[in-house]
Amino acid sequence: MIDIRGADAGSLSDEEIDSLVAEEKLLRILRPDVREQVWQSLGRSNEVQQYVVVNGGHLYISLAHIGDEAERDRFYRLIQRHQSGEKVDLHLLPQPICQILQPELTCFGRFLGGVLLGLVVGIGTGLLAMALVVVLRSAVEGLVSQEIRPLQAIDVTAVSFIVFTCVGWGTAAVVAWLNPQLWQKWGDATLWRRRK
């Protein structure tokens, strides 16, 4: 039995790697997109290096640090299913391995996503408010049997559009910024669709 916890990946021979793969303590990353994600994770953080073994240009996820064999087997199968393109919940994996396999959303990405989502929600809210004002204006004109001057009607619809667009935009942007798991789920769904 070979213990690779804290071992230098370069010090492992091909036979030792093969033995660890056979014991399901190492899992070779085969999919190009998953390999790219693992390489990016290695570039972002030194903490994840203990969970990744690089040998001969091949990447392996190390599960050697997981003592419970049943749990290690479950994680091994979950990562295999992920590599096969199946949609799986990677949050079931230990946190460091989950970070390795999932794209990381940067602060700028969250900010940009919040602004864009807020813009879409804000414009939608503004359009709904503007339509509601037009309907209310028609209802009021029907009740009082008098037409509201067009200039006043334009001002009311324009103001309602601007106010509700700003309120909708601000609210959606704040909610999106404060809920990074919302972005993670959205990113996971997008990544899964791209893999299909």
C-alpha atoms as a PDB file:
ATOM      1  CA  MET A   1       0.000   0.000   0.000  1.00  0.00           C
ATOM      2  CA  ILE A   2       1.389   3.392  -1.049  1.00  0.00           C
ATOM      3  CA  ASP A   3       0.619   6.535   0.922  1.00  0.00           C
ATOM      4  CA  ILE A   4       0.771   9.646  -1.254  1.00  0.00           C
ATOM      5  CA  ARG A   5      -0.520  12.172   1.265  1.00  0.00           C
ATOM      6  CA  GLY A   6       1.943  15.007   1.015  1.00  0.00           C
ATOM      7  CA  ALA A   7       4.120  13.073  -1.431  1.00  0.00           C
ATOM      8  CA  ASP A   8       5.753  14.758  -4.367  1.00  0.00           C
ATOM      9  CA  ALA A   9       3.977  13.548  -7.523  1.00  0.00           C
ATOM     10  CA  GLY A  10       7.266  13.456  -9.373  1.00  0.00           C
ATOM     11  CA  SER A  11       8.592  10.905  -6.880  1.00  0.00           C
ATOM     12  CA  LEU A  12       5.922   8.357  -7.822  1.00  0.00           C
ATOM     13  CA  SER A  13       6.860   5.774 -10.400  1.00  0.00           C
ATOM     14  CA  ASP A  14       4.517   4.617 -13.156  1.00  0.00           C
ATOM     15  CA  GLU A  15       4.042   1.319 -11.284  1.00  0.00           C
ATOM     16  CA  GLU A  16       3.054   3.183  -8.102  1.00  0.00           C
ATOM     17  CA  ILE A  17       0.611   5.348 -10.085  1.00  0.00           C
ATOM     18  CA  ASP A  18      -0.884   2.218 -11.681  1.00  0.00           C
ATOM     19  CA  SER A  19      -1.191   0.603  -8.256  1.00  0.00           C
ATOM     20  CA  LEU A  20      -2.955   3.664  -6.806  1.00  0.00           C
ATOM     21  CA  VAL A  21      -5.308   3.790  -9.799  1.00  0.00           C
ATOM     22  CA  ALA A  22      -6.109   0.091  -9.293  1.00  0.00           C
ATOM     23  CA  GLU A  23      -6.822   0.775  -5.597  1.00  0.00           C
ATOM     24  CA  GLU A  24      -9.090   3.663  -6.707  1.00  0.00           C
ATOM     25  CA  LYS A  25      -7.038   6.162  -4.733  1.00  0.00           C
ATOM     26  CA  LEU A  26      -6.177   8.026  -7.927  1.00  0.00           C
ATOM     27  CA  LEU A  27      -8.604   8.822 -10.704  1.00  0.00           C
ATOM     28  CA  ARG A  28      -7.209   9.864 -14.069  1.00  0.00           C
ATOM     29  CA  ILE A  29      -8.877  12.881 -15.629  1.00  0.00           C
ATOM     30  CA  LEU A  30      -9.711  12.015 -19.224  1.00  0.00           C
ATOM     31  CA  ARG A  31     -12.188  14.635 -20.442  1.00  0.00           C
ATOM     32  CA  PRO A  32     -10.488  17.673 -21.996  1.00  0.00           C
ATOM     33  CA  ASP A  33     -12.861  20.199 -20.399  1.00  0.00           C
ATOM     34  CA  VAL A  34     -12.452  18.654 -16.945  1.00  0.00           C
ATOM     35  CA  ARG A  35      -8.653  18.561 -17.457  1.00  0.00           C
ATOM     36  CA  GLU A  36      -8.726  22.244 -18.338  1.00  0.00           C
ATOM     37  CA  GLN A  37     -10.730  23.010 -15.196  1.00  0.00           C
ATOM     38  CA  VAL A  38      -8.245  21.070 -13.037  1.00  0.00           C
ATOM     39  CA  TRP A  39      -5.288  22.892 -14.641  1.00  0.00           C
ATOM     40  CA  GLN A  40      -6.988  26.233 -13.953  1.00  0.00           C
ATOM     41  CA  SER A  41      -7.585  25.215 -10.330  1.00  0.00           C
ATOM     42  CA  LEU A  42      -3.906  24.352  -9.958  1.00  0.00           C
ATOM     43  CA  GLY A  43      -2.975  27.784 -11.296  1.00  0.00           C
ATOM     44  CA  ARG A  44      -5.329  29.588  -8.902  1.00  0.00           C
ATOM     45  CA  SER A  45      -4.508  27.896  -5.624  1.00  0.00           C
ATOM     46  CA  ASN A  46      -1.593  26.072  -4.040  1.00  0.00           C
ATOM     47  CA  GLU A  47      -3.972  24.438  -1.546  1.00  0.00           C
ATOM     48  CA  VAL A  48      -5.443  22.110  -4.178  1.00  0.00           C
ATOM     49  CA  GLN A  49      -2.069  20.680  -5.208  1.00  0.00           C
ATOM     50  CA  GLN A  50      -2.269  17.966  -2.551  1.00  0.00           C
ATOM     51  CA  TYR A  51      -5.394  16.609  -4.268  1.00  0.00           C
ATOM     52  CA  VAL A  52      -3.960  16.552  -7.791  1.00  0.00           C
ATOM     53  CA  VAL A  53      -1.162  14.340  -9.084  1.00  0.00           C
ATOM     54  CA  VAL A  54       0.583  15.243 -12.328  1.00  0.00           C
ATOM     55  CA  ASN A  55       2.580  12.407 -13.855  1.00  0.00           C
ATOM     56  CA  GLY A  56       3.836  12.137 -17.405  1.00  0.00           C
ATOM     57  CA  GLY A  57       1.436  14.805 -18.654  1.00  0.00           C
ATOM     58  CA  HIS A  58      -1.527  12.993 -17.096  1.00  0.00           C
ATOM     59  CA  LEU A  59      -3.684  14.490 -14.370  1.00  0.00           C
ATOM     60  CA  TYR A  60      -5.100  12.453 -11.497  1.00  0.00           C
ATOM     61  CA  ILE A  61      -7.441  13.397  -8.678  1.00  0.00           C
ATOM     62  CA  SER A  62      -6.114  11.959  -5.428  1.00  0.00           C
ATOM     63  CA  LEU A  63      -8.622  10.352  -3.093  1.00  0.00           C
ATOM     64  CA  ALA A  64      -5.890   8.836  -0.891  1.00  0.00           C
ATOM     65  CA  HIS A  65      -6.639  11.247   1.947  1.00  0.00           C
ATOM     66  CA  ILE A  66     -10.120   9.721   2.373  1.00  0.00           C
ATOM     67  CA  GLY A  67      -9.742   6.940   4.942  1.00  0.00           C
ATOM     68  CA  ASP A  68     -13.202   5.378   4.677  1.00  0.00           C
ATOM     69  CA  GLU A  69     -13.102   2.989   1.723  1.00  0.00           C
ATOM     70  CA  ALA A  70     -16.874   3.110   1.107  1.00  0.00           C
ATOM     71  CA  GLU A  71     -16.864   6.900   1.064  1.00  0.00           C
ATOM     72  CA  ARG A  72     -13.809   6.972  -1.225  1.00  0.00           C
ATOM     73  CA  ASP A  73     -15.555   4.548  -3.591  1.00  0.00           C
ATOM     74  CA  ARG A  74     -18.658   6.752  -3.614  1.00  0.00           C
ATOM     75  CA  PHE A  75     -16.580   9.853  -4.440  1.00  0.00           C
ATOM     76  CA  TYR A  76     -14.641   7.921  -7.094  1.00  0.00           C
ATOM     77  CA  ARG A  77     -17.888   6.875  -8.820  1.00  0.00           C
ATOM     78  CA  LEU A  78     -19.288  10.395  -8.565  1.00  0.00           C
ATOM     79  CA  ILE A  79     -16.228  11.890 -10.290  1.00  0.00           C
ATOM     80  CA  GLN A  80     -16.369   9.150 -12.942  1.00  0.00           C
ATOM     81  CA  ARG A  81     -20.006  10.004 -13.643  1.00  0.00           C
ATOM     82  CA  HIS A  82     -19.059  13.696 -13.837  1.00  0.00           C
ATOM     83  CA  GLN A  83     -16.367  12.884 -16.397  1.00  0.00           C
ATOM     84  CA  SER A  84     -18.815  10.858 -18.473  1.00  0.00           C
ATOM     85  CA  GLY A  85     -20.951  13.980 -18.863  1.00  0.00           C
ATOM     86  CA  GLU A  86     -23.674  13.021 -16.415  1.00  0.00           C
ATOM     87  CA  LYS A  87     -25.115  15.837 -14.349  1.00  0.00           C
ATOM     88  CA  VAL A  88     -24.064  15.204 -10.755  1.00  0.00           C
ATOM     89  CA  ASP A  89     -24.019  17.302  -7.607  1.00  0.00           C
ATOM     90  CA  LEU A  90     -20.327  17.989  -7.072  1.00  0.00           C
ATOM     91  CA  HIS A  91     -21.130  19.559  -3.711  1.00  0.00           C
ATOM     92  CA  LEU A  92     -21.341  15.981  -2.381  1.00  0.00           C
ATOM     93  CA  LEU A  93     -17.554  15.769  -2.771  1.00  0.00           C
ATOM     94  CA  PRO A  94     -15.118  17.059  -0.149  1.00  0.00           C
ATOM     95  CA  GLN A  95     -14.788  20.840  -0.501  1.00  0.00           C
ATOM     96  CA  PRO A  96     -11.233  20.920  -1.933  1.00  0.00           C
ATOM     97  CA  ILE A  97     -12.066  18.367  -4.634  1.00  0.00           C
ATOM     98  CA  CYS A  98     -15.306  20.169  -5.410  1.00  0.00           C
ATOM     99  CA  GLN A  99     -13.321  23.395  -5.905  1.00  0.00           C
ATOM    100  CA  ILE A 100     -10.945  21.600  -8.259  1.00  0.00           C
ATOM    101  CA  LEU A 101     -13.704  20.271 -10.504  1.00  0.00           C
ATOM    102  CA  GLN A 102     -16.018  23.275 -10.565  1.00  0.00           C
ATOM    103  CA  PRO A 103     -15.452  26.564 -12.309  1.00  0.00           C
ATOM    104  CA  GLU A 104     -14.770  29.368  -9.881  1.00  0.00           C
ATOM    105  CA  LEU A 105     -16.804  32.526 -10.143  1.00  0.00           C
ATOM    106  CA  THR A 106     -14.634  35.585  -9.601  1.00  0.00           C
ATOM    107  CA  CYS A 107     -15.816  38.786  -7.927  1.00  0.00           C
ATOM    108  CA  PHE A 108     -15.780  40.543 -11.282  1.00  0.00           C
ATOM    109  CA  GLY A 109     -17.835  37.707 -12.786  1.00  0.00           C
ATOM    110  CA  ARG A 110     -20.379  37.959  -9.980  1.00  0.00           C
ATOM    111  CA  PHE A 111     -20.508  41.744 -10.371  1.00  0.00           C
ATOM    112  CA  LEU A 112     -20.933  41.590 -14.137  1.00  0.00           C
ATOM    113  CA  GLY A 113     -23.521  38.819 -13.850  1.00  0.00           C
ATOM    114  CA  GLY A 114     -25.437  40.781 -11.209  1.00  0.00           C
ATOM    115  CA  VAL A 115     -25.446  43.919 -13.342  1.00  0.00           C
ATOM    116  CA  LEU A 116     -26.578  42.069 -16.469  1.00  0.00           C
ATOM    117  CA  LEU A 117     -29.226  40.029 -14.664  1.00  0.00           C
ATOM    118  CA  GLY A 118     -30.389  43.185 -12.911  1.00  0.00           C
ATOM    119  CA  LEU A 119     -30.614  44.977 -16.238  1.00  0.00           C
ATOM    120  CA  VAL A 120     -32.788  42.264 -17.776  1.00  0.00           C
ATOM    121  CA  VAL A 121     -35.038  42.029 -14.703  1.00  0.00           C
ATOM    122  CA  GLY A 122     -35.139  45.826 -14.393  1.00  0.00           C
ATOM    123  CA  ILE A 123     -36.190  46.404 -18.001  1.00  0.00           C
ATOM    124  CA  GLY A 124     -38.811  43.664 -17.685  1.00  0.00           C
ATOM    125  CA  THR A 125     -40.152  45.239 -14.493  1.00  0.00           C
ATOM    126  CA  GLY A 126     -40.135  48.691 -16.098  1.00  0.00           C
ATOM    127  CA  LEU A 127     -42.046  47.446 -19.138  1.00  0.00           C
ATOM    128  CA  LEU A 128     -44.626  45.727 -16.932  1.00  0.00           C
ATOM    129  CA  ALA A 129     -45.044  48.896 -14.855  1.00  0.00           C
ATOM    130  CA  MET A 130     -45.385  50.999 -17.998  1.00  0.00           C
ATOM    131  CA  ALA A 131     -48.037  48.614 -19.387  1.00  0.00           C
ATOM    132  CA  LEU A 132     -49.886  48.729 -16.062  1.00  0.00           C
ATOM    133  CA  VAL A 133     -49.900  52.542 -16.164  1.00  0.00           C
ATOM    134  CA  VAL A 134     -51.307  52.484 -19.713  1.00  0.00           C
ATOM    135  CA  VAL A 135     -54.086  50.079 -18.617  1.00  0.00           C
ATOM    136  CA  LEU A 136     -54.861  52.176 -15.522  1.00  0.00           C
ATOM    137  CA  ARG A 137     -54.906  55.330 -17.633  1.00  0.00           C
ATOM    138  CA  SER A 138     -57.414  53.738 -20.008  1.00  0.00           C
ATOM    139  CA  ALA A 139     -59.546  52.576 -17.084  1.00  0.00           C
ATOM    140  CA  VAL A 140     -59.530  56.048 -15.499  1.00  0.00           C
ATOM    141  CA  GLU A 141     -60.409  57.666 -18.839  1.00  0.00           C
ATOM    142  CA  GLY A 142     -63.307  55.224 -19.192  1.00  0.00           C
ATOM    143  CA  LEU A 143     -64.601  55.991 -15.686  1.00  0.00           C
ATOM    144  CA  VAL A 144     -64.388  59.774 -15.879  1.00  0.00           C
ATOM    145  CA  SER A 145     -65.295  59.957 -19.571  1.00  0.00           C
ATOM    146  CA  GLN A 146     -62.526  62.416 -20.187  1.00  0.00           C
ATOM    147  CA  GLU A 147     -59.282  61.939 -22.077  1.00  0.00           C
ATOM    148  CA  ILE A 148     -56.062  62.575 -20.201  1.00  0.00           C
ATOM    149  CA  ARG A 149     -53.807  64.892 -22.133  1.00  0.00           C
ATOM    150  CA  PRO A 150     -51.213  62.894 -24.102  1.00  0.00           C
ATOM    151  CA  LEU A 151     -48.275  64.861 -22.673  1.00  0.00           C
ATOM    152  CA  GLN A 152     -49.238  63.934 -19.120  1.00  0.00           C
ATOM    153  CA  ALA A 153     -49.752  60.290 -20.074  1.00  0.00           C
ATOM    154  CA  ILE A 154     -46.315  60.077 -21.676  1.00  0.00           C
ATOM    155  CA  ASP A 155     -44.719  61.607 -18.606  1.00  0.00           C
ATOM    156  CA  VAL A 156     -46.435  59.142 -16.259  1.00  0.00           C
ATOM    157  CA  THR A 157     -45.512  56.087 -18.352  1.00  0.00           C
ATOM    158  CA  ALA A 158     -41.922  57.274 -18.821  1.00  0.00           C
ATOM    159  CA  VAL A 159     -41.499  57.974 -15.117  1.00  0.00           C
ATOM    160  CA  SER A 160     -43.016  54.624 -14.156  1.00  0.00           C
ATOM    161  CA  PHE A 161     -40.705  52.853 -16.622  1.00  0.00           C
ATOM    162  CA  ILE A 162     -37.598  54.604 -15.285  1.00  0.00           C
ATOM    163  CA  VAL A 163     -38.481  54.163 -11.598  1.00  0.00           C
ATOM    164  CA  PHE A 164     -39.442  50.501 -11.848  1.00  0.00           C
ATOM    165  CA  THR A 165     -36.480  49.706 -14.105  1.00  0.00           C
ATOM    166  CA  CYS A 166     -34.116  51.181 -11.506  1.00  0.00           C
ATOM    167  CA  VAL A 167     -35.850  49.441  -8.598  1.00  0.00           C
ATOM    168  CA  GLY A 168     -35.961  46.099 -10.432  1.00  0.00           C
ATOM    169  CA  TRP A 169     -32.359  46.418 -11.582  1.00  0.00           C
ATOM    170  CA  GLY A 170     -31.073  47.317  -8.132  1.00  0.00           C
ATOM    171  CA  THR A 171     -33.043  44.585  -6.363  1.00  0.00           C
ATOM    172  CA  ALA A 172     -32.066  41.837  -8.811  1.00  0.00           C
ATOM    173  CA  ALA A 173     -28.404  42.916  -8.796  1.00  0.00           C
ATOM    174  CA  VAL A 174     -28.228  42.875  -4.982  1.00  0.00           C
ATOM    175  CA  VAL A 175     -29.992  39.494  -4.745  1.00  0.00           C
ATOM    176  CA  ALA A 176     -27.676  38.039  -7.404  1.00  0.00           C
ATOM    177  CA  TRP A 177     -24.569  39.419  -5.681  1.00  0.00           C
ATOM    178  CA  LEU A 178     -25.570  38.113  -2.245  1.00  0.00           C
ATOM    179  CA  ASN A 179     -26.356  34.591  -3.545  1.00  0.00           C
ATOM    180  CA  PRO A 180     -23.199  33.124  -5.106  1.00  0.00           C
ATOM    181  CA  GLN A 181     -24.762  29.633  -4.958  1.00  0.00           C
ATOM    182  CA  LEU A 182     -27.357  30.918  -7.447  1.00  0.00           C
ATOM    183  CA  TRP A 183     -24.523  31.601  -9.900  1.00  0.00           C
ATOM    184  CA  GLN A 184     -22.915  28.252  -9.152  1.00  0.00           C
ATOM    185  CA  LYS A 185     -26.157  26.388  -9.944  1.00  0.00           C
ATOM    186  CA  TRP A 186     -26.620  28.453 -13.098  1.00  0.00           C
ATOM    187  CA  GLY A 187     -23.013  27.798 -14.114  1.00  0.00           C
ATOM    188  CA  ASP A 188     -23.381  24.066 -13.413  1.00  0.00           C
ATOM    189  CA  ALA A 189     -26.528  23.884 -15.553  1.00  0.00           C
ATOM    190  CA  THR A 190     -24.814  25.779 -18.388  1.00  0.00           C
ATOM    191  CA  LEU A 191     -21.710  23.590 -18.187  1.00  0.00           C
ATOM    192  CA  TRP A 192     -23.843  20.438 -18.222  1.00  0.00           C
ATOM    193  CA  ARG A 193     -25.770  21.620 -21.300  1.00  0.00           C
ATOM    194  CA  ARG A 194     -22.486  22.490 -23.039  1.00  0.00           C
ATOM    195  CA  ARG A 195     -21.150  18.977 -22.360  1.00  0.00           C
ATOM    196  CA  LYS A 196     -24.235  17.370 -23.948  1.00  0.00           C
END
